[in-house]
Amino acid sequence: MHSVSLGIIGGGTVGSGVFNALHRNGNLLASRIGVRINLVKVAVKAFDEPRPYPIPRKFLTTDWLSVVNDPAVQLVVELVGGTTIAHTMVLTALKLGKPVITANKALLSAHGEELFAIARKFHTNLYYEASVAGGIPIIKALREGLVGNRITHLYGIVNGTCNYILTRMKREGAEFDAVLKDAQRLGYAEAEASLDVNGYDSMHKIGILASLAHGFWVNPKQIHVEGIRSVTQADIRFAEQLGYTIKLLGIIKKVEGRGSRVEGKKLSGSRIQVSVCPTLVPNAHLLASVNDVFNAVFVRGDVVGDTLFYGRGAGKDATASAVLSDVADAALDLKFGTQRRVPPFVPHERDGAVLPIGEVVSRYYVRLSVIDRPGVLAKISAILGAAKIGISSVIQPEGHEGESVPLILMIHDAPNVALARALKRISKLPVVKAKPVMIRVETFA
């Protein structure tokens, strides 16, 4: 049987998971692809660092260069994370003509365009299934299974920490801070959780999916990002009363129309919305029932229609499964001496652009804190009406005149910038006692 030699950089949680999965199912993998995978070396920070699965000392080294430069190593797996030393590791391997498999979404978000260009220049490949949504094969689905489709809509719940927090807030009526502490205690959130709860982990993943789905590299600086720290128990309750569930949703949506301008540049290509923010999802939609640490990606193609991918989005075993999928593809490429499948990423939309968030049109949930007195709603409606923004429904709990009470408005489709300006005017009214809260509403139409 043909064999391929593998080197791994990173022997922590995911790295030891890959080692364990290969030890457990290596024979199965070989029988399915006709190639035996031989592990040569695993580079680690320290021999005695804690890891979920033990790796025999004979495989370990603390010198990552000895893995990449070893002539016996044909295939390199990078599981270090970050955008500094990992960038150097991946570049070094690619320039040697060695295929690289990575789970590093931050690296791809920041340097993906460069890395794919280097891979093409040195006639090799960069594989990245494990970088988005863990064990869910969403990269392969977009790249191969849906290759004959224009992707018109993609919605992703791609951060398990945020989904766990929002699930428990709804299920138990708990507040954000208390659930975050529990998530940290249970290992679902890091001690420094800002990357997750501020939305940046989701941004990295959604940017990768947007680039793959639409054929031009999406600069992460162009992605609108909001985290979940501002979501309160009141918002969870009112959303439920209105028939919605709040999720941190990554949205990639093709916007109709061509020939407009983005950042002063006249465009002839497609425009897309790319954003990550708390979103009201109708309870009847499947994404509303994706709970706890699970991930899901909803994809709409112009030929296939609607599809949903669901599963564990992180963890040593789910991520290891995705890495082994890429190992199989890379091993077959090496066996036959060619990149036989659809290339990992090929730019094909020369004039595509990300629509600025101000121009994005959406429905909205707005929560105001106002003094309960006659005429308040009329003043607010007048400001919204002057901005040509319509109200579809209103919830105002009963209170005593003169007290501060919540006022919930459901807003018809409106440009983001128009509603933001109107809410700025509304916030200056003497009867408004707190900064307005604005959360987007998705209809999946």
Protein backbone atom coordinates (compact mmCIF):
# COMPACT_ATOMS: atom_id res chain seq x y z
CA MET A 1 0.00 0.00 0.00
CA HIS A 2 1.19 3.52 -0.80
CA SER A 3 2.22 5.49 2.31
CA VAL A 4 2.54 9.19 3.21
CA SER A 5 4.63 10.53 6.09
CA LEU A 6 3.04 13.11 8.36
CA GLY A 7 4.49 15.71 10.73
CA ILE A 8 2.38 17.62 13.27
CA ILE A 9 3.25 21.00 14.78
CA GLY A 10 1.31 21.39 18.02
CA GLY A 11 0.66 18.60 20.49
CA GLY A 12 -1.87 20.21 22.81
CA THR A 13 -5.62 19.67 22.92
CA VAL A 14 -6.22 19.38 19.17
CA GLY A 15 -2.80 17.94 18.32
CA SER A 16 -3.18 15.09 20.80
CA GLY A 17 -6.74 14.61 19.51
CA VAL A 18 -5.40 14.15 15.98
CA PHE A 19 -2.75 11.71 17.24
CA ASN A 20 -5.41 9.71 19.08
CA ALA A 21 -7.80 9.69 16.12
CA LEU A 22 -5.03 8.55 13.77
CA HIS A 23 -3.99 5.80 16.20
CA ARG A 24 -7.61 4.74 16.63
CA ASN A 25 -8.79 4.86 13.00
CA GLY A 26 -5.57 4.85 10.96
CA ASN A 27 -6.24 1.39 9.54
CA LEU A 28 -9.80 2.36 8.66
CA LEU A 29 -8.58 5.49 6.90
CA ALA A 30 -5.96 3.50 4.96
CA SER A 31 -8.52 0.94 3.84
CA ARG A 32 -10.80 3.68 2.53
CA ILE A 33 -8.27 5.81 0.65
CA GLY A 34 -5.63 3.23 -0.24
CA VAL A 35 -2.88 5.23 1.47
CA ARG A 36 -1.31 4.52 4.84
CA ILE A 37 -0.53 7.57 6.98
CA ASN A 38 2.76 7.25 8.90
CA LEU A 39 3.30 9.74 11.70
CA VAL A 40 6.94 10.82 11.88
CA LYS A 41 7.15 13.65 14.43
CA VAL A 42 5.04 15.90 16.67
CA ALA A 43 6.52 19.29 17.66
CA VAL A 44 5.41 20.46 21.12
CA LYS A 45 6.16 23.38 23.43
CA ALA A 46 7.30 21.05 26.21
CA PHE A 47 7.51 17.29 26.60
CA ASP A 48 5.54 17.32 29.85
CA GLU A 49 2.78 19.79 28.93
CA PRO A 50 -0.71 18.54 29.87
CA ARG A 51 -2.67 17.03 26.99
CA PRO A 52 -5.98 15.10 26.84
CA TYR A 53 -4.40 12.12 25.08
CA PRO A 54 -0.84 10.90 25.69
CA ILE A 55 1.67 11.00 22.85
CA PRO A 56 4.64 8.59 23.18
CA ARG A 57 7.92 10.39 23.78
CA LYS A 58 9.52 8.79 20.68
CA PHE A 59 7.37 11.03 18.46
CA LEU A 60 8.01 14.30 20.32
CA THR A 61 10.38 17.16 19.59
CA THR A 62 10.48 20.77 20.73
CA ASP A 63 12.00 21.93 17.44
CA TRP A 64 9.28 22.67 14.88
CA LEU A 65 11.84 23.32 12.16
CA SER A 66 13.03 19.74 12.47
CA VAL A 67 9.52 18.66 11.51
CA VAL A 68 9.09 21.00 8.55
CA ASN A 69 12.60 20.50 7.18
CA ASP A 70 12.71 16.73 7.64
CA PRO A 71 12.92 15.20 4.13
CA ALA A 72 10.91 12.25 5.41
CA VAL A 73 7.94 14.51 6.27
CA GLN A 74 5.75 14.89 3.19
CA LEU A 75 2.71 16.49 4.82
CA VAL A 76 2.60 19.10 7.62
CA VAL A 77 -0.29 19.71 10.04
CA GLU A 78 -0.22 23.09 11.86
CA LEU A 79 -2.20 23.14 15.12
CA VAL A 80 -0.38 25.88 17.01
CA GLY A 81 -2.87 28.73 16.58
CA GLY A 82 -2.28 32.47 16.47
CA THR A 83 -0.98 34.63 13.65
CA THR A 84 2.72 35.08 14.42
CA ILE A 85 4.88 31.98 14.68
CA ALA A 86 2.15 29.91 13.00
CA HIS A 87 2.41 32.21 9.98
CA THR A 88 6.14 31.49 9.76
CA MET A 89 5.58 27.75 10.16
CA VAL A 90 2.99 27.54 7.40
CA LEU A 91 4.96 29.73 5.01
CA THR A 92 8.11 27.68 5.57
CA ALA A 93 6.33 24.42 4.78
CA LEU A 94 4.54 25.79 1.71
CA LYS A 95 7.76 27.22 0.26
CA LEU A 96 9.27 23.74 0.53
CA GLY A 97 6.39 22.51 -1.61
CA LYS A 98 4.83 20.56 1.27
CA PRO A 99 1.04 20.50 1.62
CA VAL A 100 -0.18 22.06 4.88
CA ILE A 101 -3.32 21.28 6.88
CA THR A 102 -4.39 23.92 9.39
CA ALA A 103 -7.18 24.49 11.91
CA ASN A 104 -6.08 28.10 12.37
CA LYS A 105 -9.01 30.40 11.53
CA ALA A 106 -7.26 33.52 12.85
CA LEU A 107 -4.28 32.89 10.58
CA LEU A 108 -6.46 32.36 7.53
CA SER A 109 -8.57 35.41 8.32
CA ALA A 110 -5.48 37.63 8.56
CA HIS A 111 -3.23 36.04 5.92
CA GLY A 112 -5.34 33.65 3.87
CA GLU A 113 -5.02 35.48 0.56
CA GLU A 114 -1.22 35.49 0.86
CA LEU A 115 -1.00 31.85 1.96
CA PHE A 116 -3.18 30.52 -0.86
CA ALA A 117 -1.11 32.52 -3.37
CA ILE A 118 2.12 31.03 -1.96
CA ALA A 119 0.63 27.54 -2.14
CA ARG A 120 -0.20 28.06 -5.83
CA LYS A 121 3.27 29.51 -6.54
CA PHE A 122 5.03 26.48 -5.05
CA HIS A 123 2.59 23.98 -6.61
CA THR A 124 1.17 22.67 -3.36
CA ASN A 125 -2.04 22.97 -1.35
CA LEU A 126 -3.35 24.48 1.88
CA TYR A 127 -6.22 22.55 3.49
CA TYR A 128 -8.44 24.15 6.13
CA GLU A 129 -11.60 22.12 6.87
CA ALA A 130 -10.92 22.25 10.63
CA SER A 131 -10.74 26.06 10.68
CA VAL A 132 -14.52 26.57 10.62
CA ALA A 133 -17.19 24.80 12.70
CA GLY A 134 -15.02 21.93 13.96
CA GLY A 135 -16.45 18.57 12.91
CA ILE A 136 -19.03 20.03 10.50
CA PRO A 137 -17.72 19.51 6.92
CA ILE A 138 -18.84 22.95 5.75
CA ILE A 139 -15.66 23.85 3.82
CA LYS A 140 -15.86 20.69 1.70
CA ALA A 141 -19.60 21.18 1.23
CA LEU A 142 -19.10 24.69 -0.17
CA ARG A 143 -15.96 23.84 -2.14
CA GLU A 144 -17.12 20.54 -3.65
CA GLY A 145 -20.71 19.58 -2.88
CA LEU A 146 -22.15 22.98 -3.82
CA VAL A 147 -19.59 23.89 -6.50
CA GLY A 148 -22.36 24.26 -9.10
CA ASN A 149 -24.34 26.76 -7.00
CA ARG A 150 -24.28 30.48 -6.50
CA ILE A 151 -24.49 30.91 -2.73
CA THR A 152 -27.12 33.56 -2.12
CA HIS A 153 -27.44 33.25 1.68
CA LEU A 154 -25.34 31.73 4.43
CA TYR A 155 -26.14 31.99 8.14
CA GLY A 156 -23.87 30.51 10.77
CA ILE A 157 -23.95 29.83 14.51
CA VAL A 158 -20.22 29.15 14.65
CA ASN A 159 -19.15 29.92 18.22
CA GLY A 160 -20.13 27.35 20.85
CA THR A 161 -19.26 29.58 23.81
CA CYS A 162 -21.70 32.30 22.76
CA ASN A 163 -24.38 29.79 21.85
CA TYR A 164 -24.02 28.09 25.25
CA ILE A 165 -24.36 31.42 27.07
CA LEU A 166 -27.40 32.56 25.08
CA THR A 167 -29.04 29.13 25.44
CA ARG A 168 -28.77 29.18 29.22
CA MET A 169 -29.88 32.81 29.43
CA LYS A 170 -33.09 31.83 27.64
CA ARG A 171 -33.60 28.45 29.29
CA GLU A 172 -32.90 29.50 32.89
CA GLY A 173 -33.51 33.24 32.95
CA ALA A 174 -29.89 33.76 34.02
CA GLU A 175 -27.84 36.88 33.37
CA PHE A 176 -24.81 37.05 31.06
CA ASP A 177 -22.09 37.43 33.70
CA ALA A 178 -23.26 34.45 35.77
CA VAL A 179 -23.47 32.13 32.75
CA LEU A 180 -20.06 33.26 31.46
CA LYS A 181 -18.47 32.29 34.79
CA ASP A 182 -20.08 28.85 34.56
CA ALA A 183 -18.88 28.47 30.97
CA GLN A 184 -15.33 29.26 32.09
CA ARG A 185 -15.56 26.80 34.96
CA LEU A 186 -16.79 24.05 32.62
CA GLY A 187 -14.11 24.74 30.03
CA TYR A 188 -16.51 26.06 27.38
CA ALA A 189 -14.96 29.53 27.61
CA GLU A 190 -11.39 30.70 28.10
CA ALA A 191 -10.40 32.66 31.19
CA GLU A 192 -10.00 35.58 28.79
CA ALA A 193 -13.22 35.16 26.84
CA SER A 194 -13.27 38.37 24.79
CA LEU A 195 -12.32 36.65 21.51
CA ASP A 196 -15.49 34.59 21.78
CA VAL A 197 -18.05 36.85 23.44
CA ASN A 198 -17.01 39.97 21.50
CA GLY A 199 -17.64 38.13 18.23
CA TYR A 200 -14.12 37.99 16.78
CA ASP A 201 -13.83 34.20 16.69
CA SER A 202 -17.05 34.12 14.68
CA MET A 203 -15.75 36.92 12.46
CA HIS A 204 -12.67 34.86 11.50
CA LYS A 205 -14.83 31.90 10.51
CA ILE A 206 -17.53 33.86 8.69
CA GLY A 207 -14.87 35.76 6.74
CA ILE A 208 -13.37 32.47 5.53
CA LEU A 209 -16.79 31.16 4.47
CA ALA A 210 -17.64 34.44 2.71
CA SER A 211 -14.38 34.35 0.76
CA LEU A 212 -14.92 30.75 -0.28
CA ALA A 213 -18.59 31.22 -1.17
CA HIS A 214 -18.14 34.39 -3.23
CA GLY A 215 -14.73 34.08 -4.83
CA PHE A 216 -12.87 37.11 -3.50
CA TRP A 217 -10.90 37.49 -0.30
CA VAL A 218 -12.89 39.30 2.39
CA ASN A 219 -10.79 41.66 4.48
CA PRO A 220 -11.70 41.12 8.16
CA LYS A 221 -11.69 44.90 8.64
CA GLN A 222 -14.74 45.07 6.35
CA ILE A 223 -16.80 42.68 8.50
CA HIS A 224 -19.22 44.33 10.91
CA VAL A 225 -18.88 42.68 14.33
CA GLU A 226 -20.94 42.92 17.51
CA GLY A 227 -20.63 40.56 20.46
CA ILE A 228 -23.18 39.37 23.01
CA ARG A 229 -22.13 41.31 26.13
CA SER A 230 -24.93 43.82 25.58
CA VAL A 231 -27.69 41.17 25.35
CA THR A 232 -29.74 41.35 28.54
CA GLN A 233 -32.29 39.08 30.15
CA ALA A 234 -34.93 41.66 29.22
CA ASP A 235 -34.05 41.30 25.54
CA ILE A 236 -34.23 37.50 25.80
CA ARG A 237 -37.71 37.72 27.38
CA PHE A 238 -39.13 40.26 24.95
CA ALA A 239 -37.74 38.35 21.97
CA GLU A 240 -39.48 35.21 23.21
CA GLN A 241 -42.73 37.17 23.68
CA LEU A 242 -42.46 38.24 20.04
CA GLY A 243 -41.73 34.70 18.83
CA TYR A 244 -37.96 34.91 18.45
CA THR A 245 -34.74 33.52 19.91
CA ILE A 246 -31.55 35.60 20.08
CA LYS A 247 -28.48 33.98 18.50
CA LEU A 248 -25.03 35.29 17.64
CA LEU A 249 -25.41 34.91 13.89
CA GLY A 250 -22.85 35.23 11.14
CA ILE A 251 -24.60 36.47 8.01
CA ILE A 252 -23.33 36.29 4.43
CA LYS A 253 -25.92 37.54 2.00
CA LYS A 254 -25.72 38.43 -1.67
CA VAL A 255 -27.20 41.88 -2.17
CA GLU A 256 -29.15 42.46 -5.37
CA GLY A 257 -27.95 45.12 -7.77
CA ARG A 258 -24.67 45.93 -9.49
CA GLY A 259 -22.87 49.03 -10.64
CA SER A 260 -23.07 50.87 -7.29
CA ARG A 261 -20.20 52.38 -5.33
CA VAL A 262 -18.48 50.99 -2.25
CA GLU A 263 -15.85 53.19 -0.56
CA GLY A 264 -15.85 55.49 -3.61
CA LYS A 265 -15.13 52.67 -6.06
CA LYS A 266 -17.60 51.99 -8.85
CA LEU A 267 -18.41 48.30 -8.93
CA SER A 268 -19.60 46.04 -11.70
CA GLY A 269 -19.33 42.86 -9.60
CA SER A 270 -21.43 41.38 -6.83
CA ARG A 271 -21.95 42.95 -3.43
CA ILE A 272 -22.34 40.93 -0.25
CA GLN A 273 -23.30 41.62 3.34
CA VAL A 274 -20.86 40.06 5.80
CA SER A 275 -21.62 40.60 9.48
CA VAL A 276 -21.57 38.97 12.91
CA CYS A 277 -24.04 40.22 15.49
CA PRO A 278 -26.80 39.19 17.90
CA THR A 279 -29.90 38.51 15.81
CA LEU A 280 -33.53 37.70 16.47
CA VAL A 281 -34.21 34.34 14.79
CA PRO A 282 -37.86 33.20 14.37
CA ASN A 283 -38.63 30.32 16.74
CA ALA A 284 -40.01 28.34 13.80
CA HIS A 285 -36.64 28.35 12.04
CA LEU A 286 -34.27 25.43 12.60
CA LEU A 287 -31.41 27.69 13.71
CA ALA A 288 -33.47 28.82 16.72
CA SER A 289 -33.32 25.26 18.10
CA VAL A 290 -29.51 24.95 17.85
CA ASN A 291 -28.58 24.98 21.53
CA ASP A 292 -25.68 24.73 23.98
CA VAL A 293 -22.22 24.35 22.42
CA PHE A 294 -23.45 23.05 19.07
CA ASN A 295 -22.86 24.88 15.78
CA ALA A 296 -24.95 25.05 12.63
CA VAL A 297 -24.56 26.57 9.18
CA PHE A 298 -27.57 27.25 6.96
CA VAL A 299 -26.73 27.59 3.26
CA ARG A 300 -29.00 28.58 0.38
CA GLY A 301 -27.82 27.87 -3.17
CA ASP A 302 -29.56 29.02 -6.32
CA VAL A 303 -29.79 25.42 -7.57
CA VAL A 304 -29.94 23.25 -4.44
CA GLY A 305 -32.14 25.52 -2.32
CA ASP A 306 -31.83 25.38 1.48
CA THR A 307 -29.41 23.07 3.32
CA LEU A 308 -28.43 22.85 6.99
CA PHE A 309 -25.19 21.52 8.51
CA TYR A 310 -25.20 20.78 12.24
CA GLY A 311 -22.76 19.36 14.77
CA ARG A 312 -20.02 20.03 17.29
CA GLY A 313 -18.09 23.10 16.31
CA ALA A 314 -15.04 22.69 18.53
CA GLY A 315 -13.17 20.30 20.80
CA LYS A 316 -10.34 17.86 20.39
CA ASP A 317 -12.30 15.07 18.72
CA ALA A 318 -14.58 17.10 16.43
CA THR A 319 -11.62 19.12 15.17
CA ALA A 320 -9.49 15.99 14.79
CA SER A 321 -12.19 14.51 12.55
CA ALA A 322 -11.94 17.52 10.23
CA VAL A 323 -8.14 17.33 10.21
CA LEU A 324 -8.23 13.66 9.19
CA SER A 325 -10.57 14.54 6.33
CA ASP A 326 -7.93 16.94 5.02
CA VAL A 327 -5.17 14.39 5.65
CA ALA A 328 -7.05 11.98 3.38
CA ASP A 329 -7.35 14.56 0.58
CA ALA A 330 -3.72 15.63 0.88
CA ALA A 331 -2.50 12.02 0.94
CA LEU A 332 -4.41 11.23 -2.25
CA ASP A 333 -2.99 14.34 -3.93
CA LEU A 334 0.52 13.18 -3.01
CA LYS A 335 -0.17 9.63 -4.15
CA PHE A 336 -1.26 10.73 -7.62
CA GLY A 337 1.18 13.63 -7.89
CA THR A 338 -1.46 16.23 -8.64
CA GLN A 339 -4.17 18.35 -7.05
CA ARG A 340 -7.04 16.22 -8.30
CA ARG A 341 -9.97 17.79 -6.49
CA VAL A 342 -11.51 21.27 -6.64
CA PRO A 343 -8.75 23.70 -5.51
CA PRO A 344 -8.97 24.84 -1.85
CA PHE A 345 -9.52 28.48 -2.84
CA VAL A 346 -9.45 30.14 -6.24
CA PRO A 347 -10.40 33.83 -6.57
CA HIS A 348 -12.91 34.15 -9.40
CA GLU A 349 -14.95 37.29 -8.62
CA ARG A 350 -12.67 40.13 -9.68
CA ASP A 351 -14.92 43.02 -8.72
CA GLY A 352 -16.84 41.78 -5.70
CA ALA A 353 -17.10 43.89 -2.56
CA VAL A 354 -18.45 43.86 0.99
CA LEU A 355 -21.35 46.26 1.48
CA PRO A 356 -20.73 48.77 4.31
CA ILE A 357 -22.99 48.01 7.27
CA GLY A 358 -24.65 51.41 7.00
CA GLU A 359 -26.13 50.42 3.65
CA VAL A 360 -27.43 47.06 4.84
CA VAL A 361 -31.22 46.91 5.00
CA SER A 362 -32.80 44.84 7.76
CA ARG A 363 -35.67 44.59 10.19
CA TYR A 364 -34.88 45.58 13.77
CA TYR A 365 -35.85 45.08 17.38
CA VAL A 366 -35.44 48.31 19.39
CA ARG A 367 -35.65 48.56 23.18
CA LEU A 368 -36.01 51.99 24.75
CA SER A 369 -36.22 53.01 28.39
CA VAL A 370 -38.76 55.85 28.56
CA ILE A 371 -40.79 57.81 31.08
CA ASP A 372 -44.35 56.50 31.10
CA ARG A 373 -46.43 59.53 30.16
CA PRO A 374 -48.87 60.44 27.37
CA GLY A 375 -47.37 61.45 24.03
CA VAL A 376 -44.04 59.64 24.34
CA LEU A 377 -44.75 57.11 21.59
CA ALA A 378 -46.01 59.90 19.33
CA LYS A 379 -42.71 61.81 19.66
CA ILE A 380 -40.68 58.71 18.91
CA SER A 381 -42.90 57.77 15.96
CA ALA A 382 -42.53 61.27 14.55
CA ILE A 383 -38.72 60.99 14.50
CA LEU A 384 -38.87 57.56 12.88
CA GLY A 385 -41.48 58.75 10.38
CA ALA A 386 -39.30 61.70 9.35
CA ALA A 387 -36.56 59.16 8.56
CA LYS A 388 -39.08 57.08 6.54
CA ILE A 389 -38.85 54.22 9.03
CA GLY A 390 -41.99 52.30 9.87
CA ILE A 391 -43.01 50.52 13.10
CA SER A 392 -44.57 47.08 12.68
CA SER A 393 -45.48 46.42 16.33
CA VAL A 394 -45.09 47.84 19.85
CA ILE A 395 -44.83 46.29 23.31
CA GLN A 396 -45.08 48.56 26.36
CA PRO A 397 -45.48 46.85 29.74
CA GLU A 398 -47.81 48.58 32.15
CA GLY A 399 -46.23 50.95 34.63
CA HIS A 400 -47.07 53.94 36.76
CA GLU A 401 -47.08 57.35 35.14
CA GLY A 402 -43.75 59.06 35.62
CA GLU A 403 -41.79 55.81 36.02
CA SER A 404 -39.16 54.57 33.57
CA VAL A 405 -40.47 51.58 31.59
CA PRO A 406 -39.23 49.57 28.59
CA LEU A 407 -40.71 50.33 25.20
CA ILE A 408 -40.17 47.66 22.54
CA LEU A 409 -40.48 48.53 18.85
CA MET A 410 -40.32 46.13 15.92
CA ILE A 411 -39.08 48.09 12.91
CA HIS A 412 -39.85 47.42 9.25
CA ASP A 413 -36.99 47.08 6.73
CA ALA A 414 -34.68 50.09 7.03
CA PRO A 415 -31.07 50.95 6.20
CA ASN A 416 -28.80 50.55 9.21
CA VAL A 417 -27.45 54.10 8.96
CA ALA A 418 -30.95 55.63 8.82
CA LEU A 419 -32.12 53.83 11.95
CA ALA A 420 -28.88 54.60 13.81
CA ARG A 421 -29.31 58.32 13.08
CA ALA A 422 -32.94 58.24 14.14
CA LEU A 423 -32.11 56.47 17.41
CA LYS A 424 -29.42 59.07 18.10
CA ARG A 425 -32.10 61.77 17.86
CA ILE A 426 -34.50 59.71 19.98
CA SER A 427 -31.85 59.21 22.69
CA LYS A 428 -31.72 63.00 23.17
CA LEU A 429 -35.40 63.24 24.06
CA PRO A 430 -35.85 64.13 27.78
CA VAL A 431 -38.22 61.17 28.21
CA VAL A 432 -35.60 58.63 27.07
CA LYS A 433 -33.48 57.50 30.04
CA ALA A 434 -30.96 55.04 28.60
CA LYS A 435 -29.08 54.36 25.39
CA PRO A 436 -31.38 52.64 22.87
CA VAL A 437 -30.73 48.95 22.18
CA MET A 438 -30.91 47.89 18.53
CA ILE A 439 -30.79 44.19 17.47
CA ARG A 440 -31.26 42.98 13.92
CA VAL A 441 -34.13 40.66 13.00
CA GLU A 442 -33.59 37.99 10.33
CA THR A 443 -36.52 36.68 8.29
CA PHE A 444 -34.57 34.18 6.10
CA ALA A 445 -36.61 35.30 3.11
